Amino acid sequence: MVQSAAADAVFHALSNPTRRKVLERLSAGPATVSQLAAPFDMQLPSFVQHLSVLEQSRLVKSTKRGRVRTYEIAPERFKVVEDWLTARRRTWEARLDRFDRYVTQLKEREADS
């Protein structure tokens, strides 16, 4: 259940294009709020809400020095997404393998008759 809640929070955070762009920017290195907000045409309070969602999902973490808050990627939380996607991929690969075996058997039976 905890893992599901973590996945829900991460996928919610990733569902927004602004937040994904922030993550892309942070993959190049830490940045301050003003540096992160600069490319976006939105009011700072709205932008800070996006940062808050990212921080609550634990995809990013921040530190505050004086009046400047700096964000950076928290890579360990991306493992939740990777694990979820890997499980789905394994399920579908197994299904496709069974389907492939079934089709192969049908072709062999058809060739024998």
PDB file of N, CA and C in Angstrom:
ATOM      1  N   MET A   1       0.823  -1.199   0.000  1.00  0.00           N
ATOM      2  CA  MET A   1       0.000   0.000   0.000  1.00  0.00           C
ATOM      3  C   MET A   1       0.861   1.254   0.000  1.00  0.00           C
ATOM      4  N   VAL A   2       1.932   1.233   0.784  1.00  0.00           N
ATOM      5  CA  VAL A   2       2.818   2.393   0.804  1.00  0.00           C
ATOM      6  C   VAL A   2       3.423   2.603  -0.576  1.00  0.00           C
ATOM      7  N   GLN A   3       3.833   1.491  -1.221  1.00  0.00           N
ATOM      8  CA  GLN A   3       4.415   1.580  -2.553  1.00  0.00           C
ATOM      9  C   GLN A   3       3.406   2.151  -3.535  1.00  0.00           C
ATOM     10  N   SER A   4       2.130   1.759  -3.419  1.00  0.00           N
ATOM     11  CA  SER A   4       1.094   2.266  -4.299  1.00  0.00           C
ATOM     12  C   SER A   4       0.892   3.764  -4.096  1.00  0.00           C
ATOM     13  N   ALA A   5       0.882   4.210  -2.860  1.00  0.00           N
ATOM     14  CA  ALA A   5       0.731   5.643  -2.583  1.00  0.00           C
ATOM     15  C   ALA A   5       1.915   6.420  -3.145  1.00  0.00           C
ATOM     16  N   ALA A   6       3.102   5.845  -3.029  1.00  0.00           N
ATOM     17  CA  ALA A   6       4.292   6.508  -3.573  1.00  0.00           C
ATOM     18  C   ALA A   6       4.192   6.591  -5.097  1.00  0.00           C
ATOM     19  N   ALA A   7       3.749   5.489  -5.723  1.00  0.00           N
ATOM     20  CA  ALA A   7       3.604   5.500  -7.182  1.00  0.00           C
ATOM     21  C   ALA A   7       2.544   6.510  -7.601  1.00  0.00           C
ATOM     22  N   ASP A   8       1.438   6.577  -6.858  1.00  0.00           N
ATOM     23  CA  ASP A   8       0.391   7.552  -7.173  1.00  0.00           C
ATOM     24  C   ASP A   8       0.945   8.975  -7.130  1.00  0.00           C
ATOM     25  N   ALA A   9       1.706   9.280  -6.088  1.00  0.00           N
ATOM     26  CA  ALA A   9       2.265  10.630  -5.944  1.00  0.00           C
ATOM     27  C   ALA A   9       3.243  10.952  -7.066  1.00  0.00           C
ATOM     28  N   VAL A  10       4.066   9.980  -7.417  1.00  0.00           N
ATOM     29  CA  VAL A  10       5.056  10.200  -8.470  1.00  0.00           C
ATOM     30  C   VAL A  10       4.368  10.378  -9.824  1.00  0.00           C
ATOM     31  N   PHE A  11       3.404   9.509 -10.129  1.00  0.00           N
ATOM     32  CA  PHE A  11       2.721   9.633 -11.421  1.00  0.00           C
ATOM     33  C   PHE A  11       1.891  10.915 -11.477  1.00  0.00           C
ATOM     34  N   HIS A  12       1.305  11.320 -10.363  1.00  0.00           N
ATOM     35  CA  HIS A  12       0.595  12.605 -10.347  1.00  0.00           C
ATOM     36  C   HIS A  12       1.573  13.741 -10.663  1.00  0.00           C
ATOM     37  N   ALA A  13       2.717  13.716 -10.036  1.00  0.00           N
ATOM     38  CA  ALA A  13       3.712  14.768 -10.274  1.00  0.00           C
ATOM     39  C   ALA A  13       4.163  14.771 -11.734  1.00  0.00           C
ATOM     40  N   LEU A  14       4.327  13.584 -12.303  1.00  0.00           N
ATOM     41  CA  LEU A  14       4.798  13.486 -13.681  1.00  0.00           C
ATOM     42  C   LEU A  14       3.706  13.758 -14.716  1.00  0.00           C
ATOM     43  N   SER A  15       2.466  13.853 -14.279  1.00  0.00           N
ATOM     44  CA  SER A  15       1.363  14.037 -15.225  1.00  0.00           C
ATOM     45  C   SER A  15       1.278  15.446 -15.803  1.00  0.00           C
ATOM     46  N   ASN A  16       2.027  16.367 -15.256  1.00  0.00           N
ATOM     47  CA  ASN A  16       1.947  17.758 -15.701  1.00  0.00           C
ATOM     48  C   ASN A  16       3.180  18.130 -16.523  1.00  0.00           C
ATOM     49  N   PRO A  17       2.990  18.737 -17.714  1.00  0.00           N
ATOM     50  CA  PRO A  17       4.144  19.070 -18.560  1.00  0.00           C
ATOM     51  C   PRO A  17       5.097  20.090 -17.927  1.00  0.00           C
ATOM     52  N   THR A  18       4.567  21.018 -17.154  1.00  0.00           N
ATOM     53  CA  THR A  18       5.451  21.995 -16.497  1.00  0.00           C
ATOM     54  C   THR A  18       6.380  21.285 -15.523  1.00  0.00           C
ATOM     55  N   ARG A  19       5.819  20.373 -14.746  1.00  0.00           N
ATOM     56  CA  ARG A  19       6.653  19.650 -13.777  1.00  0.00           C
ATOM     57  C   ARG A  19       7.673  18.760 -14.481  1.00  0.00           C
ATOM     58  N   ARG A  20       7.278  18.160 -15.598  1.00  0.00           N
ATOM     59  CA  ARG A  20       8.253  17.342 -16.337  1.00  0.00           C
ATOM     60  C   ARG A  20       9.390  18.209 -16.881  1.00  0.00           C
ATOM     61  N   LYS A  21       9.047  19.419 -17.350  1.00  0.00           N
ATOM     62  CA  LYS A  21      10.103  20.313 -17.848  1.00  0.00           C
ATOM     63  C   LYS A  21      11.026  20.749 -16.716  1.00  0.00           C
ATOM     64  N   VAL A  22      10.470  20.963 -15.540  1.00  0.00           N
ATOM     65  CA  VAL A  22      11.299  21.310 -14.382  1.00  0.00           C
ATOM     66  C   VAL A  22      12.264  20.159 -14.083  1.00  0.00           C
ATOM     67  N   LEU A  23      11.760  18.931 -14.133  1.00  0.00           N
ATOM     68  CA  LEU A  23      12.633  17.777 -13.887  1.00  0.00           C
ATOM     69  C   LEU A  23      13.723  17.677 -14.945  1.00  0.00           C
ATOM     70  N   GLU A  24      13.353  17.957 -16.206  1.00  0.00           N
ATOM     71  CA  GLU A  24      14.366  17.941 -17.270  1.00  0.00           C
ATOM     72  C   GLU A  24      15.442  18.977 -16.983  1.00  0.00           C
ATOM     73  N   ARG A  25      15.029  20.163 -16.564  1.00  0.00           N
ATOM     74  CA  ARG A  25      16.003  21.217 -16.248  1.00  0.00           C
ATOM     75  C   ARG A  25      16.891  20.794 -15.084  1.00  0.00           C
ATOM     76  N   LEU A  26      16.274  20.202 -14.060  1.00  0.00           N
ATOM     77  CA  LEU A  26      17.043  19.800 -12.885  1.00  0.00           C
ATOM     78  C   LEU A  26      17.982  18.631 -13.169  1.00  0.00           C
ATOM     79  N   SER A  27      17.716  17.884 -14.230  1.00  0.00           N
ATOM     80  CA  SER A  27      18.633  16.794 -14.573  1.00  0.00           C
ATOM     81  C   SER A  27      19.994  17.335 -15.000  1.00  0.00           C
ATOM     82  N   ALA A  28      20.036  18.629 -15.358  1.00  0.00           N
ATOM     83  CA  ALA A  28      21.314  19.264 -15.703  1.00  0.00           C
ATOM     84  C   ALA A  28      22.045  19.765 -14.467  1.00  0.00           C
ATOM     85  N   GLY A  29      21.342  19.799 -13.310  1.00  0.00           N
ATOM     86  CA  GLY A  29      21.970  20.252 -12.076  1.00  0.00           C
ATOM     87  C   GLY A  29      21.014  21.087 -11.252  1.00  0.00           C
ATOM     88  N   PRO A  30      21.371  21.340  -9.993  1.00  0.00           N
ATOM     89  CA  PRO A  30      20.518  22.121  -9.101  1.00  0.00           C
ATOM     90  C   PRO A  30      20.249  23.523  -9.655  1.00  0.00           C
ATOM     91  N   ALA A  31      19.097  24.074  -9.266  1.00  0.00           N
ATOM     92  CA  ALA A  31      18.737  25.415  -9.720  1.00  0.00           C
ATOM     93  C   ALA A  31      17.865  26.088  -8.668  1.00  0.00           C
ATOM     94  N   THR A  32      17.942  27.400  -8.648  1.00  0.00           N
ATOM     95  CA  THR A  32      17.111  28.164  -7.710  1.00  0.00           C
ATOM     96  C   THR A  32      15.696  28.275  -8.263  1.00  0.00           C
ATOM     97  N   VAL A  33      14.777  28.710  -7.418  1.00  0.00           N
ATOM     98  CA  VAL A  33      13.391  28.867  -7.843  1.00  0.00           C
ATOM     99  C   VAL A  33      13.307  29.851  -9.007  1.00  0.00           C
ATOM    100  N   SER A  34      14.007  30.960  -8.911  1.00  0.00           N
ATOM    101  CA  SER A  34      13.930  31.957  -9.987  1.00  0.00           C
ATOM    102  C   SER A  34      14.519  31.422 -11.287  1.00  0.00           C
ATOM    103  N   GLN A  35      15.574  30.641 -11.217  1.00  0.00           N
ATOM    104  CA  GLN A  35      16.143  30.034 -12.421  1.00  0.00           C
ATOM    105  C   GLN A  35      15.158  29.038 -13.051  1.00  0.00           C
ATOM    106  N   LEU A  36      14.490  28.282 -12.197  1.00  0.00           N
ATOM    107  CA  LEU A  36      13.531  27.304 -12.702  1.00  0.00           C
ATOM    108  C   LEU A  36      12.302  27.975 -13.290  1.00  0.00           C
ATOM    109  N   ALA A  37      11.866  29.072 -12.670  1.00  0.00           N
ATOM    110  CA  ALA A  37      10.632  29.745 -13.094  1.00  0.00           C
ATOM    111  C   ALA A  37      10.830  30.592 -14.353  1.00  0.00           C
ATOM    112  N   ALA A  38      12.042  31.021 -14.626  1.00  0.00           N
ATOM    113  CA  ALA A  38      12.304  31.964 -15.718  1.00  0.00           C
ATOM    114  C   ALA A  38      11.694  31.556 -17.067  1.00  0.00           C
ATOM    115  N   PRO A  39      11.814  30.304 -17.504  1.00  0.00           N
ATOM    116  CA  PRO A  39      11.284  29.968 -18.836  1.00  0.00           C
ATOM    117  C   PRO A  39       9.759  29.874 -18.914  1.00  0.00           C
ATOM    118  N   PHE A  40       9.079  29.924 -17.788  1.00  0.00           N
ATOM    119  CA  PHE A  40       7.637  29.698 -17.773  1.00  0.00           C
ATOM    120  C   PHE A  40       6.878  31.013 -17.659  1.00  0.00           C
ATOM    121  N   ASP A  41       5.795  31.123 -18.424  1.00  0.00           N
ATOM    122  CA  ASP A  41       4.954  32.316 -18.400  1.00  0.00           C
ATOM    123  C   ASP A  41       3.817  32.096 -17.403  1.00  0.00           C
ATOM    124  N   MET A  42       4.164  32.151 -16.121  1.00  0.00           N
ATOM    125  CA  MET A  42       3.148  32.004 -15.080  1.00  0.00           C
ATOM    126  C   MET A  42       3.600  32.758 -13.833  1.00  0.00           C
ATOM    127  N   GLN A  43       2.625  33.085 -13.013  1.00  0.00           N
ATOM    128  CA  GLN A  43       2.920  33.795 -11.775  1.00  0.00           C
ATOM    129  C   GLN A  43       3.744  32.881 -10.857  1.00  0.00           C
ATOM    130  N   LEU A  44       4.621  33.507 -10.068  1.00  0.00           N
ATOM    131  CA  LEU A  44       5.511  32.740  -9.196  1.00  0.00           C
ATOM    132  C   LEU A  44       4.751  31.840  -8.214  1.00  0.00           C
ATOM    133  N   PRO A  45       3.652  32.324  -7.583  1.00  0.00           N
ATOM    134  CA  PRO A  45       2.938  31.415  -6.668  1.00  0.00           C
ATOM    135  C   PRO A  45       2.422  30.145  -7.359  1.00  0.00           C
ATOM    136  N   SER A  46       1.946  30.289  -8.591  1.00  0.00           N
ATOM    137  CA  SER A  46       1.492  29.107  -9.336  1.00  0.00           C
ATOM    138  C   SER A  46       2.666  28.181  -9.632  1.00  0.00           C
ATOM    139  N   PHE A  47       3.794  28.766  -9.994  1.00  0.00           N
ATOM    140  CA  PHE A  47       4.966  27.942 -10.293  1.00  0.00           C
ATOM    141  C   PHE A  47       5.451  27.220  -9.041  1.00  0.00           C
ATOM    142  N   VAL A  48       5.423  27.927  -7.926  1.00  0.00           N
ATOM    143  CA  VAL A  48       5.872  27.316  -6.665  1.00  0.00           C
ATOM    144  C   VAL A  48       4.976  26.137  -6.291  1.00  0.00           C
ATOM    145  N   GLN A  49       3.703  26.196  -6.676  1.00  0.00           N
ATOM    146  CA  GLN A  49       2.815  25.049  -6.429  1.00  0.00           C
ATOM    147  C   GLN A  49       3.320  23.806  -7.175  1.00  0.00           C
ATOM    148  N   HIS A  50       3.806  24.007  -8.391  1.00  0.00           N
ATOM    149  CA  HIS A  50       4.372  22.870  -9.130  1.00  0.00           C
ATOM    150  C   HIS A  50       5.586  22.303  -8.396  1.00  0.00           C
ATOM    151  N   LEU A  51       6.424  23.197  -7.890  1.00  0.00           N
ATOM    152  CA  LEU A  51       7.595  22.727  -7.137  1.00  0.00           C
ATOM    153  C   LEU A  51       7.164  21.981  -5.878  1.00  0.00           C
ATOM    154  N   SER A  52       6.102  22.459  -5.269  1.00  0.00           N
ATOM    155  CA  SER A  52       5.594  21.804  -4.067  1.00  0.00           C
ATOM    156  C   SER A  52       5.121  20.381  -4.369  1.00  0.00           C
ATOM    157  N   VAL A  53       4.424  20.214  -5.486  1.00  0.00           N
ATOM    158  CA  VAL A  53       3.964  18.873  -5.877  1.00  0.00           C
ATOM    159  C   VAL A  53       5.171  17.961  -6.114  1.00  0.00           C
ATOM    160  N   LEU A  54       6.173  18.491  -6.795  1.00  0.00           N
ATOM    161  CA  LEU A  54       7.378  17.685  -7.045  1.00  0.00           C
ATOM    162  C   LEU A  54       8.083  17.308  -5.745  1.00  0.00           C
ATOM    163  N   GLU A  55       8.108  18.224  -4.811  1.00  0.00           N
ATOM    164  CA  GLU A  55       8.784  17.941  -3.545  1.00  0.00           C
ATOM    165  C   GLU A  55       7.965  16.967  -2.700  1.00  0.00           C
ATOM    166  N   GLN A  56       6.641  17.109  -2.722  1.00  0.00           N
ATOM    167  CA  GLN A  56       5.796  16.176  -1.971  1.00  0.00           C
ATOM    168  C   GLN A  56       5.896  14.758  -2.519  1.00  0.00           C
ATOM    169  N   SER A  57       6.103  14.642  -3.822  1.00  0.00           N
ATOM    170  CA  SER A  57       6.273  13.316  -4.418  1.00  0.00           C
ATOM    171  C   SER A  57       7.681  12.778  -4.181  1.00  0.00           C
ATOM    172  N   ARG A  58       8.540  13.625  -3.660  1.00  0.00           N
ATOM    173  CA  ARG A  58       9.937  13.310  -3.349  1.00  0.00           C
ATOM    174  C   ARG A  58      10.774  13.040  -4.598  1.00  0.00           C
ATOM    175  N   LEU A  59      10.336  13.635  -5.732  1.00  0.00           N
ATOM    176  CA  LEU A  59      11.167  13.569  -6.935  1.00  0.00           C
ATOM    177  C   LEU A  59      12.273  14.615  -6.885  1.00  0.00           C
ATOM    178  N   VAL A  60      12.058  15.657  -6.086  1.00  0.00           N
ATOM    179  CA  VAL A  60      13.066  16.696  -5.900  1.00  0.00           C
ATOM    180  C   VAL A  60      13.185  16.984  -4.415  1.00  0.00           C
ATOM    181  N   LYS A  61      14.274  17.595  -4.054  1.00  0.00           N
ATOM    182  CA  LYS A  61      14.450  18.080  -2.687  1.00  0.00           C
ATOM    183  C   LYS A  61      15.033  19.476  -2.772  1.00  0.00           C
ATOM    184  N   SER A  62      14.814  20.239  -1.723  1.00  0.00           N
ATOM    185  CA  SER A  62      15.287  21.623  -1.751  1.00  0.00           C
ATOM    186  C   SER A  62      16.056  21.954  -0.491  1.00  0.00           C
ATOM    187  N   THR A  63      16.884  22.951  -0.635  1.00  0.00           N
ATOM    188  CA  THR A  63      17.604  23.509   0.504  1.00  0.00           C
ATOM    189  C   THR A  63      17.444  25.015   0.442  1.00  0.00           C
ATOM    190  N   LYS A  64      17.465  25.623   1.606  1.00  0.00           N
ATOM    191  CA  LYS A  64      17.295  27.071   1.648  1.00  0.00           C
ATOM    192  C   LYS A  64      18.515  27.695   2.307  1.00  0.00           C
ATOM    193  N   ARG A  65      19.110  28.621   1.589  1.00  0.00           N
ATOM    194  CA  ARG A  65      20.250  29.358   2.124  1.00  0.00           C
ATOM    195  C   ARG A  65      19.875  30.832   2.049  1.00  0.00           C
ATOM    196  N   GLY A  66      19.665  31.408   3.219  1.00  0.00           N
ATOM    197  CA  GLY A  66      19.198  32.799   3.245  1.00  0.00           C
ATOM    198  C   GLY A  66      17.800  32.866   2.680  1.00  0.00           C
ATOM    199  N   ARG A  67      17.624  33.674   1.672  1.00  0.00           N
ATOM    200  CA  ARG A  67      16.303  33.788   1.027  1.00  0.00           C
ATOM    201  C   ARG A  67      16.204  32.965  -0.245  1.00  0.00           C
ATOM    202  N   VAL A  68      17.249  32.256  -0.554  1.00  0.00           N
ATOM    203  CA  VAL A  68      17.296  31.514  -1.823  1.00  0.00           C
ATOM    204  C   VAL A  68      17.052  30.022  -1.585  1.00  0.00           C
ATOM    205  N   ARG A  69      16.039  29.503  -2.254  1.00  0.00           N
ATOM    206  CA  ARG A  69      15.749  28.066  -2.190  1.00  0.00           C
ATOM    207  C   ARG A  69      16.251  27.428  -3.482  1.00  0.00           C
ATOM    208  N   THR A  70      17.006  26.363  -3.317  1.00  0.00           N
ATOM    209  CA  THR A  70      17.576  25.644  -4.456  1.00  0.00           C
ATOM    210  C   THR A  70      17.019  24.228  -4.496  1.00  0.00           C
ATOM    211  N   TYR A  71      16.643  23.810  -5.692  1.00  0.00           N
ATOM    212  CA  TYR A  71      16.084  22.466  -5.889  1.00  0.00           C
ATOM    213  C   TYR A  71      17.080  21.587  -6.626  1.00  0.00           C
ATOM    214  N   GLU A  72      16.970  20.306  -6.338  1.00  0.00           N
ATOM    215  CA  GLU A  72      17.759  19.312  -7.059  1.00  0.00           C
ATOM    216  C   GLU A  72      16.953  18.024  -7.177  1.00  0.00           C
ATOM    217  N   ILE A  73      17.308  17.207  -8.141  1.00  0.00           N
ATOM    218  CA  ILE A  73      16.660  15.913  -8.354  1.00  0.00           C
ATOM    219  C   ILE A  73      16.951  15.001  -7.168  1.00  0.00           C
ATOM    220  N   ALA A  74      15.945  14.223  -6.789  1.00  0.00           N
ATOM    221  CA  ALA A  74      16.128  13.162  -5.792  1.00  0.00           C
ATOM    222  C   ALA A  74      15.963  11.832  -6.531  1.00  0.00           C
ATOM    223  N   PRO A  75      17.020  11.294  -7.101  1.00  0.00           N
ATOM    224  CA  PRO A  75      16.914  10.184  -8.051  1.00  0.00           C
ATOM    225  C   PRO A  75      16.323   8.898  -7.482  1.00  0.00           C
ATOM    226  N   GLU A  76      16.419   8.679  -6.193  1.00  0.00           N
ATOM    227  CA  GLU A  76      15.943   7.404  -5.642  1.00  0.00           C
ATOM    228  C   GLU A  76      14.438   7.196  -5.841  1.00  0.00           C
ATOM    229  N   ARG A  77      13.675   8.280  -5.922  1.00  0.00           N
ATOM    230  CA  ARG A  77      12.229   8.143  -6.082  1.00  0.00           C
ATOM    231  C   ARG A  77      11.835   7.713  -7.498  1.00  0.00           C
ATOM    232  N   PHE A  78      12.697   7.926  -8.467  1.00  0.00           N
ATOM    233  CA  PHE A  78      12.399   7.494  -9.829  1.00  0.00           C
ATOM    234  C   PHE A  78      12.351   5.969  -9.922  1.00  0.00           C
ATOM    235  N   LYS A  79      12.931   5.297  -8.936  1.00  0.00           N
ATOM    236  CA  LYS A  79      12.909   3.833  -8.893  1.00  0.00           C
ATOM    237  C   LYS A  79      11.475   3.321  -8.789  1.00  0.00           C
ATOM    238  N   VAL A  80      10.598   4.084  -8.123  1.00  0.00           N
ATOM    239  CA  VAL A  80       9.189   3.685  -8.007  1.00  0.00           C
ATOM    240  C   VAL A  80       8.575   3.563  -9.400  1.00  0.00           C
ATOM    241  N   VAL A  81       8.827   4.545 -10.245  1.00  0.00           N
ATOM    242  CA  VAL A  81       8.296   4.531 -11.612  1.00  0.00           C
ATOM    243  C   VAL A  81       8.923   3.392 -12.404  1.00  0.00           C
ATOM    244  N   GLU A  82      10.224   3.268 -12.299  1.00  0.00           N
ATOM    245  CA  GLU A  82      10.930   2.219 -13.029  1.00  0.00           C
ATOM    246  C   GLU A  82      10.404   0.841 -12.634  1.00  0.00           C
ATOM    247  N   ASP A  83      10.219   0.589 -11.346  1.00  0.00           N
ATOM    248  CA  ASP A  83       9.727  -0.714 -10.892  1.00  0.00           C
ATOM    249  C   ASP A  83       8.313  -0.976 -11.400  1.00  0.00           C
ATOM    250  N   TRP A  84       7.466   0.036 -11.360  1.00  0.00           N
ATOM    251  CA  TRP A  84       6.090  -0.136 -11.817  1.00  0.00           C
ATOM    252  C   TRP A  84       6.060  -0.451 -13.318  1.00  0.00           C
ATOM    253  N   LEU A  85       6.825   0.315 -14.097  1.00  0.00           N
ATOM    254  CA  LEU A  85       6.862   0.086 -15.536  1.00  0.00           C
ATOM    255  C   LEU A  85       7.483  -1.263 -15.881  1.00  0.00           C
ATOM    256  N   THR A  86       8.502  -1.662 -15.147  1.00  0.00           N
ATOM    257  CA  THR A  86       9.147  -2.957 -15.388  1.00  0.00           C
ATOM    258  C   THR A  86       8.158  -4.097 -15.143  1.00  0.00           C
ATOM    259  N   ALA A  87       7.371  -3.992 -14.082  1.00  0.00           N
ATOM    260  CA  ALA A  87       6.371  -5.030 -13.796  1.00  0.00           C
ATOM    261  C   ALA A  87       5.337  -5.104 -14.912  1.00  0.00           C
ATOM    262  N   ARG A  88       4.880  -3.955 -15.413  1.00  0.00           N
ATOM    263  CA  ARG A  88       3.901  -3.960 -16.511  1.00  0.00           C
ATOM    264  C   ARG A  88       4.520  -4.556 -17.763  1.00  0.00           C
ATOM    265  N   ARG A  89       5.764  -4.184 -18.053  1.00  0.00           N
ATOM    266  CA  ARG A  89       6.432  -4.696 -19.255  1.00  0.00           C
ATOM    267  C   ARG A  89       6.582  -6.216 -19.178  1.00  0.00           C
ATOM    268  N   ARG A  90       6.953  -6.733 -18.015  1.00  0.00           N
ATOM    269  CA  ARG A  90       7.103  -8.193 -17.865  1.00  0.00           C
ATOM    270  C   ARG A  90       5.780  -8.906 -18.094  1.00  0.00           C
ATOM    271  N   THR A  91       4.698  -8.327 -17.566  1.00  0.00           N
ATOM    272  CA  THR A  91       3.378  -8.924 -17.757  1.00  0.00           C
ATOM    273  C   THR A  91       3.033  -9.008 -19.235  1.00  0.00           C
ATOM    274  N   TRP A  92       3.235  -7.910 -19.953  1.00  0.00           N
ATOM    275  CA  TRP A  92       2.889  -7.898 -21.378  1.00  0.00           C
ATOM    276  C   TRP A  92       3.830  -8.753 -22.210  1.00  0.00           C
ATOM    277  N   GLU A  93       5.094  -8.819 -21.846  1.00  0.00           N
ATOM    278  CA  GLU A  93       6.022  -9.696 -22.567  1.00  0.00           C
ATOM    279  C   GLU A  93       5.615 -11.157 -22.396  1.00  0.00           C
ATOM    280  N   ALA A  94       5.193 -11.524 -21.191  1.00  0.00           N
ATOM    281  CA  ALA A  94       4.750 -12.904 -20.947  1.00  0.00           C
ATOM    282  C   ALA A  94       3.497 -13.206 -21.766  1.00  0.00           C
ATOM    283  N   ARG A  95       2.568 -12.275 -21.807  1.00  0.00           N
ATOM    284  CA  ARG A  95       1.348 -12.480 -22.598  1.00  0.00           C
ATOM    285  C   ARG A  95       1.672 -12.616 -24.081  1.00  0.00           C
ATOM    286  N   LEU A  96       2.535 -11.753 -24.577  1.00  0.00           N
ATOM    287  CA  LEU A  96       2.903 -11.813 -25.996  1.00  0.00           C
ATOM    288  C   LEU A  96       3.668 -13.093 -26.326  1.00  0.00           C
ATOM    289  N   ASP A  97       4.500 -13.563 -25.386  1.00  0.00           N
ATOM    290  CA  ASP A  97       5.210 -14.830 -25.603  1.00  0.00           C
ATOM    291  C   ASP A  97       4.220 -15.986 -25.699  1.00  0.00           C
ATOM    292  N   ARG A  98       3.202 -16.008 -24.811  1.00  0.00           N
ATOM    293  CA  ARG A  98       2.182 -17.068 -24.862  1.00  0.00           C
ATOM    294  C   ARG A  98       1.411 -16.991 -26.180  1.00  0.00           C
ATOM    295  N   PHE A  99       1.071 -15.798 -26.599  1.00  0.00           N
ATOM    296  CA  PHE A  99       0.343 -15.618 -27.862  1.00  0.00           C
ATOM    297  C   PHE A  99       1.194 -16.096 -29.034  1.00  0.00           C
ATOM    298  N   ASP A 100       2.469 -15.775 -29.008  1.00  0.00           N
ATOM    299  CA  ASP A 100       3.381 -16.203 -30.069  1.00  0.00           C
ATOM    300  C   ASP A 100       3.466 -17.729 -30.128  1.00  0.00           C
ATOM    301  N   ARG A 101       3.556 -18.373 -28.959  1.00  0.00           N
ATOM    302  CA  ARG A 101       3.593 -19.850 -28.938  1.00  0.00           C
ATOM    303  C   ARG A 101       2.297 -20.427 -29.500  1.00  0.00           C
ATOM    304  N   TYR A 102       1.180 -19.828 -29.129  1.00  0.00           N
ATOM    305  CA  TYR A 102      -0.121 -20.294 -29.605  1.00  0.00           C
ATOM    306  C   TYR A 102      -0.215 -20.179 -31.128  1.00  0.00           C
ATOM    307  N   VAL A 103       0.184 -19.048 -31.667  1.00  0.00           N
ATOM    308  CA  VAL A 103       0.124 -18.839 -33.121  1.00  0.00           C
ATOM    309  C   VAL A 103       1.066 -19.806 -33.832  1.00  0.00           C
ATOM    310  N   THR A 104       2.226 -20.034 -33.258  1.00  0.00           N
ATOM    311  CA  THR A 104       3.187 -20.972 -33.845  1.00  0.00           C
ATOM    312  C   THR A 104       2.597 -22.381 -33.886  1.00  0.00           C
ATOM    313  N   GLN A 105       1.941 -22.776 -32.778  1.00  0.00           N
ATOM    314  CA  GLN A 105       1.314 -24.106 -32.736  1.00  0.00           C
ATOM    315  C   GLN A 105       0.206 -24.213 -33.785  1.00  0.00           C
ATOM    316  N   LEU A 106      -0.596 -23.163 -33.928  1.00  0.00           N
ATOM    317  CA  LEU A 106      -1.652 -23.186 -34.949  1.00  0.00           C
ATOM    318  C   LEU A 106      -1.073 -23.346 -36.348  1.00  0.00           C
ATOM    319  N   LYS A 107       0.009 -22.636 -36.628  1.00  0.00           N
ATOM    320  CA  LYS A 107       0.647 -22.731 -37.945  1.00  0.00           C
ATOM    321  C   LYS A 107       1.195 -24.130 -38.182  1.00  0.00           C
ATOM    322  N   GLU A 108       1.789 -24.719 -37.134  1.00  0.00           N
ATOM    323  CA  GLU A 108       2.335 -26.074 -37.266  1.00  0.00           C
ATOM    324  C   GLU A 108       1.219 -27.087 -37.534  1.00  0.00           C
ATOM    325  N   ARG A 109       0.093 -26.947 -36.812  1.00  0.00           N
ATOM    326  CA  ARG A 109      -1.045 -27.855 -37.026  1.00  0.00           C
ATOM    327  C   ARG A 109      -1.600 -27.691 -38.438  1.00  0.00           C
ATOM    328  N   GLU A 110      -1.674 -26.465 -38.881  1.00  0.00           N
ATOM    329  CA  GLU A 110      -2.194 -26.188 -40.218  1.00  0.00           C
ATOM    330  C   GLU A 110      -1.272 -26.779 -41.287  1.00  0.00           C
ATOM    331  N   ALA A 111       0.029 -26.694 -41.051  1.00  0.00           N
ATOM    332  CA  ALA A 111       0.994 -27.239 -42.015  1.00  0.00           C
ATOM    333  C   ALA A 111       0.949 -28.766 -42.031  1.00  0.00           C
ATOM    334  N   ASP A 112       0.674 -29.401 -40.888  1.00  0.00           N
ATOM    335  CA  ASP A 112       0.611 -30.864 -40.792  1.00  0.00           C
ATOM    336  C   ASP A 112      -0.654 -31.431 -41.443  1.00  0.00           C
ATOM    337  N   SER A 113      -1.711 -30.654 -41.509  1.00  0.00           N
ATOM    338  CA  SER A 113      -2.970 -31.195 -42.039  1.00  0.00           C
ATOM    339  C   SER A 113      -3.102 -31.032 -43.531  1.00  0.00           C
TER     340      SER A 113
END
